[in-house]
N, C-alpha and C. Protein backbone atom coordinates (compact mmCIF):
# COMPACT_ATOMS: atom_id res chain seq x y z
N MET A 1 52.00 -3.50 66.87
CA MET A 1 52.34 -4.59 66.02
C MET A 1 53.30 -3.84 65.19
N TYR A 2 54.54 -4.33 65.06
CA TYR A 2 55.56 -3.74 63.87
C TYR A 2 55.86 -4.85 62.99
N HIS A 3 55.99 -4.24 62.08
CA HIS A 3 56.69 -5.14 60.75
C HIS A 3 57.59 -4.63 60.05
N PRO A 4 58.47 -4.76 59.40
CA PRO A 4 59.61 -4.44 58.53
C PRO A 4 58.60 -3.13 57.49
N ARG A 5 59.54 -2.17 57.25
CA ARG A 5 58.67 -1.18 56.59
C ARG A 5 58.52 -1.62 54.74
N ASP A 6 59.05 -2.60 54.28
CA ASP A 6 58.71 -3.15 53.08
C ASP A 6 57.27 -4.11 53.24
N THR A 7 57.35 -4.88 54.30
CA THR A 7 56.02 -5.35 54.48
C THR A 7 54.62 -4.62 54.91
N VAL A 8 55.00 -3.66 55.55
CA VAL A 8 53.87 -2.75 55.79
C VAL A 8 53.37 -2.11 54.42
N THR A 9 54.73 -1.51 53.72
CA THR A 9 53.83 -0.91 52.26
C THR A 9 53.39 -1.88 51.54
N LEU A 10 53.45 -3.12 51.34
CA LEU A 10 53.03 -4.00 50.70
C LEU A 10 51.37 -4.55 51.40
N TRP A 11 51.39 -4.17 52.52
CA TRP A 11 50.28 -4.52 53.24
C TRP A 11 49.16 -3.32 53.11
N LYS A 12 49.74 -2.17 52.95
CA LYS A 12 48.72 -1.20 52.63
C LYS A 12 48.31 -1.35 51.31
N LYS A 13 49.18 -1.90 50.39
CA LYS A 13 48.56 -1.75 49.16
C LYS A 13 47.58 -2.85 48.83
N ALA A 14 47.45 -4.02 49.56
CA ALA A 14 47.10 -5.22 49.51
C ALA A 14 45.30 -5.01 49.38
N ASP A 15 44.52 -5.77 48.90
CA ASP A 15 43.42 -6.00 49.01
C ASP A 15 42.87 -6.81 50.17
N LYS A 16 42.48 -6.14 51.47
CA LYS A 16 42.55 -7.04 52.64
C LYS A 16 41.49 -7.97 52.56
N SER A 17 40.32 -8.06 51.79
CA SER A 17 39.61 -9.27 51.59
C SER A 17 40.11 -10.42 51.23
N GLN A 18 41.39 -10.24 50.18
CA GLN A 18 41.91 -11.15 49.57
C GLN A 18 42.85 -12.19 50.86
N VAL A 19 43.01 -11.42 51.68
CA VAL A 19 43.99 -11.94 52.77
C VAL A 19 43.12 -13.18 53.57
N ASP A 20 43.62 -14.43 53.62
CA ASP A 20 43.29 -15.65 54.21
C ASP A 20 43.68 -16.24 55.23
N ASN A 21 44.79 -15.24 56.14
CA ASN A 21 45.17 -15.59 57.42
C ASN A 21 44.18 -15.26 58.58
N ASN A 22 43.65 -15.93 59.52
CA ASN A 22 42.84 -15.30 60.42
C ASN A 22 43.65 -14.42 61.38
N TRP A 23 44.73 -14.85 61.45
CA TRP A 23 45.79 -14.00 62.41
C TRP A 23 45.66 -12.56 62.16
N TYR A 24 46.09 -12.38 60.83
CA TYR A 24 45.97 -11.03 60.40
C TYR A 24 44.63 -10.32 60.20
N LYS A 25 43.62 -11.07 60.10
CA LYS A 25 42.46 -10.74 60.07
C LYS A 25 41.94 -10.16 61.32
N ILE A 26 42.29 -10.95 62.17
CA ILE A 26 42.00 -10.46 63.99
C ILE A 26 42.83 -9.66 64.62
N HIS A 27 43.92 -9.81 64.04
CA HIS A 27 45.25 -9.14 65.29
C HIS A 27 45.83 -7.85 64.45
N TYR A 28 45.84 -7.65 63.06
CA TYR A 28 46.51 -6.53 62.34
C TYR A 28 45.56 -5.78 61.65
N PHE A 29 44.53 -6.32 61.11
CA PHE A 29 43.45 -5.36 60.28
C PHE A 29 42.44 -4.84 61.33
N GLN A 30 42.51 -5.22 62.28
CA GLN A 30 41.42 -4.69 63.07
C GLN A 30 41.76 -3.36 63.73
N ARG A 31 41.59 -2.20 62.93
CA ARG A 31 42.09 -0.89 63.19
C ARG A 31 41.03 -0.19 64.37
N LYS A 32 41.59 0.78 64.96
CA LYS A 32 41.00 1.37 65.80
C LYS A 32 39.86 2.51 65.18
N ARG A 33 38.61 2.74 65.50
CA ARG A 33 38.11 3.66 65.07
C ARG A 33 38.43 5.02 65.16
N MET A 34 38.57 6.57 64.50
CA MET A 34 39.05 7.41 64.58
C MET A 34 38.07 8.86 64.65
N GLN A 35 36.61 8.14 64.53
CA GLN A 35 35.41 8.95 64.30
C GLN A 35 34.26 8.48 65.36
N GLY A 36 33.60 9.80 65.38
CA GLY A 36 32.41 9.42 66.04
C GLY A 36 32.33 8.84 67.47
N ASP A 37 31.27 8.56 68.15
CA ASP A 37 30.93 8.34 69.39
C ASP A 37 31.84 7.28 70.04
N ASN A 38 32.33 6.20 68.90
CA ASN A 38 33.22 5.34 69.53
C ASN A 38 34.63 5.37 69.12
N LYS A 39 35.08 6.70 68.96
CA LYS A 39 36.40 6.92 68.93
C LYS A 39 37.30 6.55 69.60
N GLY A 40 38.46 5.72 69.11
CA GLY A 40 39.33 4.82 70.12
C GLY A 40 39.16 3.48 69.94
N GLN A 41 38.00 2.98 69.72
CA GLN A 41 37.37 1.74 69.99
C GLN A 41 38.02 0.91 68.52
N LEU A 42 38.20 -0.33 69.12
CA LEU A 42 38.39 -1.14 68.10
C LEU A 42 36.99 -1.58 67.14
N GLN A 43 37.26 -1.84 65.69
CA GLN A 43 36.28 -1.97 64.80
C GLN A 43 35.70 -3.37 65.56
N LYS A 44 34.55 -3.73 65.04
CA LYS A 44 33.80 -4.70 65.62
C LYS A 44 33.86 -5.96 64.65
N ILE A 45 34.23 -7.21 65.25
CA ILE A 45 34.18 -8.29 64.14
C ILE A 45 32.67 -8.89 64.23
N TYR A 46 32.00 -8.66 63.11
CA TYR A 46 30.81 -9.57 63.02
C TYR A 46 30.60 -10.76 62.59
N GLY A 47 30.31 -11.60 63.30
CA GLY A 47 29.90 -12.71 62.76
C GLY A 47 31.35 -13.84 62.86
N PRO A 48 30.91 -15.06 62.78
CA PRO A 48 32.06 -15.90 62.89
C PRO A 48 33.09 -15.84 61.58
N VAL A 49 34.23 -16.00 62.23
CA VAL A 49 35.53 -15.98 61.26
C VAL A 49 35.88 -17.48 61.01
N HIS A 50 36.12 -18.18 59.83
CA HIS A 50 36.21 -19.50 59.37
C HIS A 50 37.61 -19.24 58.40
N PRO A 51 38.63 -20.40 58.82
CA PRO A 51 39.74 -20.60 58.11
C PRO A 51 39.17 -20.67 56.85
N SER A 52 40.01 -20.04 55.76
CA SER A 52 39.68 -20.46 54.51
C SER A 52 40.11 -21.87 53.82
N ARG A 53 39.70 -22.00 53.09
CA ARG A 53 39.90 -23.70 52.66
C ARG A 53 41.15 -23.93 52.18
N LEU A 54 41.96 -22.82 51.45
CA LEU A 54 43.56 -23.03 51.46
C LEU A 54 44.12 -23.04 52.76
N SER A 55 43.73 -22.08 53.60
CA SER A 55 44.60 -22.20 54.79
C SER A 55 44.81 -23.27 55.37
N GLN A 56 43.15 -23.97 55.60
CA GLN A 56 43.04 -25.36 55.97
C GLN A 56 43.57 -26.41 55.40
N GLU A 57 43.91 -26.52 53.89
CA GLU A 57 44.58 -27.48 53.30
C GLU A 57 46.30 -27.28 53.68
N VAL A 58 46.60 -25.86 54.04
CA VAL A 58 48.32 -25.83 54.08
C VAL A 58 48.33 -26.20 55.58
N LEU A 59 47.29 -26.05 56.49
CA LEU A 59 47.76 -26.62 57.78
C LEU A 59 47.58 -28.09 57.72
N ASP A 60 46.74 -28.64 56.94
CA ASP A 60 46.59 -30.26 56.73
C ASP A 60 47.96 -30.79 56.17
N GLN A 61 48.38 -30.11 55.21
CA GLN A 61 49.70 -30.61 54.69
C GLN A 61 50.60 -30.47 55.81
N TYR A 62 51.06 -29.51 56.33
CA TYR A 62 51.88 -29.40 57.48
C TYR A 62 51.75 -30.55 58.61
N LEU A 63 50.68 -30.68 59.03
CA LEU A 63 50.43 -31.96 60.06
C LEU A 63 50.64 -33.10 59.47
N GLU A 64 50.35 -33.46 58.25
CA GLU A 64 50.55 -34.62 57.71
C GLU A 64 52.36 -34.81 57.57
N ILE A 65 53.05 -33.80 57.30
CA ILE A 65 54.60 -33.96 57.08
C ILE A 65 55.06 -34.31 58.50
N GLN A 66 54.54 -33.38 59.49
CA GLN A 66 54.87 -33.90 60.99
C GLN A 66 54.42 -35.03 61.28
N LEU A 67 53.42 -35.68 61.12
CA LEU A 67 52.99 -37.03 61.39
C LEU A 67 53.93 -37.93 60.56
N ARG A 68 54.16 -37.90 59.56
CA ARG A 68 55.30 -38.86 58.66
C ARG A 68 56.64 -38.66 59.40
N SER A 69 57.03 -37.73 59.84
CA SER A 69 58.08 -37.60 60.24
C SER A 69 58.40 -37.91 61.75
N LEU A 70 57.19 -38.10 62.53
CA LEU A 70 57.38 -38.59 63.60
C LEU A 70 57.28 -40.26 63.52
N LEU A 71 56.37 -40.79 62.83
CA LEU A 71 56.48 -42.14 62.50
C LEU A 71 57.92 -42.69 61.79
N ASP A 72 58.39 -41.69 61.19
CA ASP A 72 60.07 -42.37 60.91
C ASP A 72 60.65 -42.40 62.11
N CYS A 73 60.41 -41.73 62.96
CA CYS A 73 61.16 -41.98 64.34
C CYS A 73 60.62 -43.33 65.15
N ALA A 74 59.79 -43.82 64.54
CA ALA A 74 58.80 -45.24 65.40
C ALA A 74 60.08 -45.86 65.99
N GLY A 75 60.91 -46.46 64.88
CA GLY A 75 61.98 -47.51 65.13
C GLY A 75 62.70 -47.16 66.25
N THR A 76 62.92 -46.14 66.58
CA THR A 76 64.07 -45.63 67.62
C THR A 76 63.47 -45.28 68.88
N HIS A 77 62.00 -44.59 68.83
CA HIS A 77 61.31 -44.04 69.82
C HIS A 77 59.81 -44.43 70.09
N GLU A 78 59.35 -44.23 71.18
CA GLU A 78 58.22 -44.68 71.38
C GLU A 78 57.00 -43.49 71.18
N ILE A 79 56.49 -43.61 70.15
CA ILE A 79 55.74 -42.30 69.72
C ILE A 79 54.05 -42.56 70.05
N LYS A 80 53.23 -41.64 70.71
CA LYS A 80 51.95 -41.51 71.30
C LYS A 80 51.37 -40.40 70.39
N ILE A 81 50.41 -40.63 69.73
CA ILE A 81 49.52 -39.63 69.11
C ILE A 81 48.30 -39.56 69.65
N TYR A 82 47.56 -38.45 70.45
CA TYR A 82 46.36 -38.36 70.65
C TYR A 82 45.65 -37.42 70.02
N GLN A 83 44.13 -37.53 69.74
CA GLN A 83 43.29 -37.07 69.00
C GLN A 83 42.15 -36.96 69.85
N GLY A 84 41.34 -35.95 69.92
CA GLY A 84 40.11 -35.50 71.23
C GLY A 84 39.25 -34.64 70.34
N HIS A 85 38.03 -34.67 70.97
CA HIS A 85 37.08 -33.80 70.46
C HIS A 85 36.67 -32.73 71.89
N LEU A 86 36.49 -31.56 71.71
CA LEU A 86 36.09 -30.40 72.78
C LEU A 86 34.58 -30.88 72.91
N ALA A 87 34.19 -30.72 74.08
CA ALA A 87 32.77 -30.88 74.85
C ALA A 87 32.30 -29.60 74.87
N ASP A 88 33.02 -28.46 74.58
CA ASP A 88 32.31 -26.82 75.01
C ASP A 88 33.64 -26.11 74.53
N LEU A 89 33.04 -24.73 74.15
CA LEU A 89 33.81 -23.67 73.70
C LEU A 89 35.32 -23.70 74.28
N VAL A 90 36.28 -23.14 73.74
CA VAL A 90 37.66 -22.98 74.46
C VAL A 90 38.35 -21.73 73.78
N LEU A 91 38.85 -20.97 74.77
CA LEU A 91 39.64 -19.84 74.17
C LEU A 91 41.04 -19.78 74.52
N PRO A 92 41.92 -20.40 73.69
CA PRO A 92 43.15 -20.19 73.85
C PRO A 92 44.10 -19.09 73.94
N GLY A 93 44.62 -18.65 74.93
CA GLY A 93 45.34 -17.71 75.06
C GLY A 93 44.64 -16.47 75.99
N LEU A 94 43.54 -17.06 76.59
CA LEU A 94 43.06 -15.92 77.43
C LEU A 94 43.95 -15.04 78.32
N GLY A 95 44.67 -15.77 79.02
CA GLY A 95 45.41 -15.43 80.23
C GLY A 95 46.69 -14.35 79.50
N VAL A 96 47.05 -14.25 78.32
CA VAL A 96 48.29 -13.74 77.60
C VAL A 96 47.85 -12.15 77.58
N PRO A 97 48.75 -11.22 78.14
CA PRO A 97 48.25 -9.95 77.66
C PRO A 97 48.37 -9.19 76.31
N HIS A 98 47.33 -8.83 75.86
CA HIS A 98 47.35 -8.13 74.56
C HIS A 98 46.90 -6.95 74.30
N VAL A 99 47.12 -6.15 73.55
CA VAL A 99 46.72 -4.83 73.32
C VAL A 99 45.20 -4.83 72.95
N GLN A 100 44.66 -6.11 72.90
CA GLN A 100 43.08 -5.89 72.50
C GLN A 100 42.31 -6.04 73.92
N GLU A 101 42.94 -6.14 74.73
CA GLU A 101 42.84 -6.68 76.22
C GLU A 101 42.68 -8.04 76.41
N THR A 102 42.07 -9.03 75.38
CA THR A 102 42.18 -10.28 75.90
C THR A 102 42.85 -10.83 74.42
N ALA A 103 43.44 -11.99 74.52
CA ALA A 103 44.33 -12.24 73.34
C ALA A 103 43.22 -13.62 73.20
N LEU A 104 43.75 -13.95 71.75
CA LEU A 104 43.44 -15.23 71.02
C LEU A 104 44.70 -15.93 70.44
N THR A 105 45.12 -16.82 70.96
CA THR A 105 46.28 -17.44 70.45
C THR A 105 45.81 -18.25 69.19
N LEU A 106 46.48 -17.27 67.91
CA LEU A 106 46.33 -17.72 66.83
C LEU A 106 47.57 -18.16 66.04
N HIS A 107 47.92 -19.50 65.42
CA HIS A 107 49.10 -19.74 64.75
C HIS A 107 49.34 -18.49 63.61
N GLN A 108 50.72 -18.01 63.81
CA GLN A 108 50.90 -16.62 62.89
C GLN A 108 50.87 -17.12 61.54
N LEU A 109 51.20 -18.36 61.16
CA LEU A 109 51.17 -18.96 59.56
C LEU A 109 49.99 -19.38 59.09
N TYR A 110 49.32 -20.20 59.99
CA TYR A 110 48.40 -20.94 59.63
C TYR A 110 46.84 -20.03 59.93
N GLY A 111 46.99 -19.23 60.97
CA GLY A 111 45.74 -18.41 61.24
C GLY A 111 44.79 -19.42 62.14
N SER A 112 45.24 -20.40 62.77
CA SER A 112 44.21 -21.23 63.10
C SER A 112 44.44 -21.19 64.56
N PRO A 113 43.35 -21.27 65.50
CA PRO A 113 43.62 -21.61 66.60
C PRO A 113 44.30 -22.68 67.29
N TYR A 114 45.36 -22.42 68.24
CA TYR A 114 46.02 -23.65 68.67
C TYR A 114 46.50 -23.30 70.15
N ILE A 115 47.04 -24.55 70.71
CA ILE A 115 47.58 -24.61 72.18
C ILE A 115 49.19 -24.83 71.70
N SER A 116 50.01 -24.14 71.85
CA SER A 116 51.49 -24.53 72.03
C SER A 116 51.91 -25.88 72.56
N GLY A 117 52.99 -26.33 72.27
CA GLY A 117 53.55 -27.65 72.86
C GLY A 117 53.94 -27.17 74.26
N SER A 118 54.38 -25.98 74.49
CA SER A 118 54.87 -25.56 75.82
C SER A 118 53.86 -25.43 76.76
N SER A 119 52.88 -24.91 76.48
CA SER A 119 51.61 -24.85 77.31
C SER A 119 51.18 -25.93 77.49
N LEU A 120 50.93 -26.86 76.70
CA LEU A 120 50.47 -28.24 77.00
C LEU A 120 51.36 -28.99 77.76
N LYS A 121 52.72 -28.85 77.62
CA LYS A 121 53.40 -29.43 78.60
C LYS A 121 53.37 -28.85 80.12
N GLY A 122 53.16 -27.19 79.91
CA GLY A 122 53.26 -26.78 81.45
C GLY A 122 51.62 -27.22 82.25
N ALA A 123 50.74 -27.41 81.24
CA ALA A 123 49.44 -28.07 82.15
C ALA A 123 49.64 -29.24 82.41
N VAL A 124 50.15 -30.57 81.74
CA VAL A 124 50.50 -31.62 82.18
C VAL A 124 51.54 -31.70 83.33
N ARG A 125 52.54 -31.06 83.10
CA ARG A 125 53.36 -30.87 84.52
C ARG A 125 52.62 -30.51 85.68
N ASN A 126 51.74 -29.15 85.59
CA ASN A 126 51.26 -28.90 86.78
C ASN A 126 50.32 -29.69 87.60
N TRP A 127 49.60 -30.44 86.45
CA TRP A 127 48.74 -31.60 86.96
C TRP A 127 49.37 -32.71 87.46
N ALA A 128 50.70 -33.16 87.17
CA ALA A 128 51.36 -34.30 87.58
C ALA A 128 51.87 -33.83 89.20
N LEU A 129 52.11 -32.48 89.17
CA LEU A 129 52.87 -31.84 90.60
C LEU A 129 51.71 -31.80 91.56
N GLN A 130 50.45 -31.44 91.07
CA GLN A 130 49.27 -31.35 92.01
C GLN A 130 49.06 -32.50 92.54
N ALA A 131 48.95 -33.62 91.79
CA ALA A 131 48.42 -34.86 91.74
C ALA A 131 49.28 -35.95 92.68
N PHE A 132 50.53 -35.60 92.56
CA PHE A 132 51.53 -36.48 93.10
C PHE A 132 52.70 -35.91 93.98
N PHE A 133 52.70 -34.42 94.27
CA PHE A 133 53.80 -33.84 94.86
C PHE A 133 53.10 -32.62 95.69
N GLU A 134 51.66 -32.67 95.86
CA GLU A 134 51.22 -31.53 96.66
C GLU A 134 51.56 -30.18 95.93
N GLY A 135 51.76 -30.23 94.66
CA GLY A 135 52.11 -28.83 93.92
C GLY A 135 53.45 -28.42 94.37
N GLU A 136 53.92 -29.19 94.77
CA GLU A 136 55.55 -28.75 95.30
C GLU A 136 56.75 -29.36 94.54
N GLU A 137 57.37 -28.26 93.57
CA GLU A 137 58.40 -28.83 92.73
C GLU A 137 59.46 -29.38 93.54
N GLU A 138 59.96 -29.02 94.65
CA GLU A 138 60.95 -29.30 95.50
C GLU A 138 60.81 -30.86 95.78
N LYS A 139 59.63 -31.11 96.25
CA LYS A 139 59.29 -32.66 96.32
C LYS A 139 59.53 -33.53 94.97
N ALA A 140 59.04 -33.07 93.95
CA ALA A 140 59.30 -33.86 92.57
C ALA A 140 60.75 -34.06 92.35
N ALA A 141 61.60 -33.08 92.89
CA ALA A 141 63.18 -33.12 92.14
C ALA A 141 63.62 -34.02 93.10
N VAL A 142 63.31 -34.31 94.27
CA VAL A 142 64.09 -35.25 95.42
C VAL A 142 63.27 -36.47 95.48
N ALA A 143 62.11 -36.64 95.04
CA ALA A 143 61.27 -37.60 95.34
C ALA A 143 61.95 -38.95 95.11
N ASP A 144 62.09 -39.96 96.24
CA ASP A 144 62.93 -41.11 95.67
C ASP A 144 61.55 -42.20 95.75
N SER A 145 60.85 -42.25 94.51
CA SER A 145 59.55 -43.11 93.94
C SER A 145 59.59 -43.49 92.74
N LEU A 146 58.69 -43.97 92.69
CA LEU A 146 58.38 -44.23 91.02
C LEU A 146 57.89 -42.88 90.41
N ALA A 147 56.93 -42.22 91.01
CA ALA A 147 56.16 -40.86 90.67
C ALA A 147 57.45 -39.90 90.46
N GLY A 148 58.34 -39.84 91.41
CA GLY A 148 59.30 -38.96 91.16
C GLY A 148 60.32 -39.30 89.93
N ASP A 149 60.72 -40.48 89.83
CA ASP A 149 61.22 -40.93 88.72
C ASP A 149 60.58 -40.51 87.40
N PHE A 150 59.72 -40.95 87.42
CA PHE A 150 58.70 -40.65 86.13
C PHE A 150 58.60 -39.13 85.63
N PHE A 151 58.50 -38.54 86.88
CA PHE A 151 58.30 -36.68 86.88
C PHE A 151 59.59 -36.43 86.12
N ARG A 152 60.85 -36.62 86.75
CA ARG A 152 61.91 -36.29 86.39
C ARG A 152 62.27 -36.81 84.80
N THR A 153 61.73 -37.91 84.89
CA THR A 153 61.96 -38.40 83.12
C THR A 153 61.46 -37.94 82.08
N ILE A 154 59.98 -37.67 82.44
CA ILE A 154 59.10 -36.89 81.20
C ILE A 154 59.52 -35.43 81.34
N PHE A 155 59.83 -34.60 82.38
CA PHE A 155 59.74 -33.24 82.26
C PHE A 155 61.14 -32.71 82.53
N GLY A 156 61.97 -33.62 82.74
CA GLY A 156 63.40 -33.33 82.80
C GLY A 156 63.60 -32.50 84.32
N THR A 157 65.02 -32.28 84.39
CA THR A 157 65.47 -31.46 85.80
C THR A 157 66.46 -30.32 84.97
N GLN A 158 66.87 -29.40 85.97
CA GLN A 158 67.85 -28.22 85.55
C GLN A 158 69.49 -28.75 84.86
N ASP A 159 69.43 -30.42 85.29
CA ASP A 159 70.59 -30.99 84.49
C ASP A 159 70.34 -31.82 83.33
N GLN A 160 69.20 -32.35 83.33
CA GLN A 160 69.07 -33.14 82.11
C GLN A 160 67.66 -32.73 81.56
N ARG A 161 67.56 -32.80 80.38
CA ARG A 161 66.57 -32.83 79.75
C ARG A 161 65.25 -33.77 79.55
N GLY A 162 64.11 -33.23 79.56
CA GLY A 162 62.99 -34.40 79.42
C GLY A 162 62.96 -35.32 78.34
N ARG A 163 62.60 -36.57 78.52
CA ARG A 163 62.54 -37.37 77.49
C ARG A 163 61.22 -37.22 76.57
N VAL A 164 60.13 -36.44 76.87
CA VAL A 164 58.98 -36.21 76.26
C VAL A 164 58.82 -35.13 75.42
N GLN A 165 58.49 -35.10 74.12
CA GLN A 165 58.11 -33.91 73.52
C GLN A 165 56.68 -33.48 73.50
N PHE A 166 56.36 -32.43 73.50
CA PHE A 166 55.16 -32.00 73.58
C PHE A 166 54.92 -30.92 72.54
N TYR A 167 53.91 -31.56 71.53
CA TYR A 167 54.03 -30.61 70.31
C TYR A 167 52.66 -29.72 70.26
N ASP A 168 52.04 -28.78 69.40
CA ASP A 168 51.27 -27.73 69.45
C ASP A 168 50.14 -28.84 69.29
N VAL A 169 48.57 -28.27 69.69
CA VAL A 169 47.60 -28.74 69.34
C VAL A 169 46.62 -27.60 68.80
N PHE A 170 46.46 -28.17 67.34
CA PHE A 170 45.36 -27.55 66.50
C PHE A 170 44.04 -27.68 66.63
N PHE A 171 43.05 -27.00 66.36
CA PHE A 171 41.87 -27.18 66.69
C PHE A 171 41.29 -26.91 65.09
N MET A 172 40.87 -28.19 64.62
CA MET A 172 40.42 -28.14 63.11
C MET A 172 39.01 -28.12 62.87
N ASN A 173 38.90 -27.52 61.81
CA ASN A 173 37.42 -27.35 61.29
C ASN A 173 36.78 -26.15 62.48
N CYS A 174 37.30 -25.55 62.63
CA CYS A 174 36.66 -24.28 63.83
C CYS A 174 36.33 -23.28 63.19
N GLU A 175 35.54 -22.34 64.24
CA GLU A 175 35.11 -21.34 63.57
C GLU A 175 35.44 -20.62 64.78
N ILE A 176 35.72 -19.20 64.62
CA ILE A 176 36.27 -18.19 65.60
C ILE A 176 34.81 -17.00 65.76
N ILE A 177 34.38 -17.06 66.90
CA ILE A 177 33.08 -16.13 67.07
C ILE A 177 33.38 -15.15 67.97
N PRO A 178 32.84 -14.04 67.83
CA PRO A 178 32.85 -12.67 68.71
C PRO A 178 32.20 -13.23 70.16
N GLU A 179 33.02 -12.71 71.19
CA GLU A 179 32.45 -13.12 72.35
C GLU A 179 32.69 -12.09 73.32
N ILE A 180 31.65 -11.48 73.98
CA ILE A 180 31.95 -10.39 75.22
C ILE A 180 32.45 -10.77 76.36
N MET A 181 33.46 -10.25 76.73
CA MET A 181 34.19 -10.61 78.12
C MET A 181 34.06 -9.42 79.08
N THR A 182 33.45 -9.70 80.14
CA THR A 182 33.21 -8.75 81.24
C THR A 182 33.87 -8.94 82.14
N VAL A 183 35.05 -8.08 82.48
CA VAL A 183 36.14 -8.31 83.58
C VAL A 183 35.34 -7.91 85.13
N HIS A 184 35.30 -8.57 85.87
CA HIS A 184 34.74 -8.35 87.02
C HIS A 184 35.68 -8.19 88.36
């Protein structure tokens, strides 16, 4: 991971225990061991990592501003806001290549796990393709049906942008726990 030289100089002088951004704690400060039998391995993270109170407050403020901005558009746009609860553990970013073999998608500014709006849109789009068009984009592009019209309106085409916007999904009040991933 590369940063501008002045940023690296500041980080080297910083007291790492004062850093409250989990993205930096997990991705940037986790250095490789250079001694002993475990030479070349990443230092282990012991126990759960929680967002700090300040980080959570900043994220809450951001989400409140985003919500107000969306509600300001309610006079000219139809706004749907969904909230849910997880039934099990989730590992956002598992398929992303990363120097630590498995990635964890954490927001770089807020240090909180999240699913990007583009990933959410891709998952919903793929579901729609599988459910209505046998997984074939060509069928969705030319379907002369209500489902085809909805698909093209929601997700767009090469010539026209989609009419639905997907925003990032944040996991609130969560903890990040170390997990052993065995590749088979």
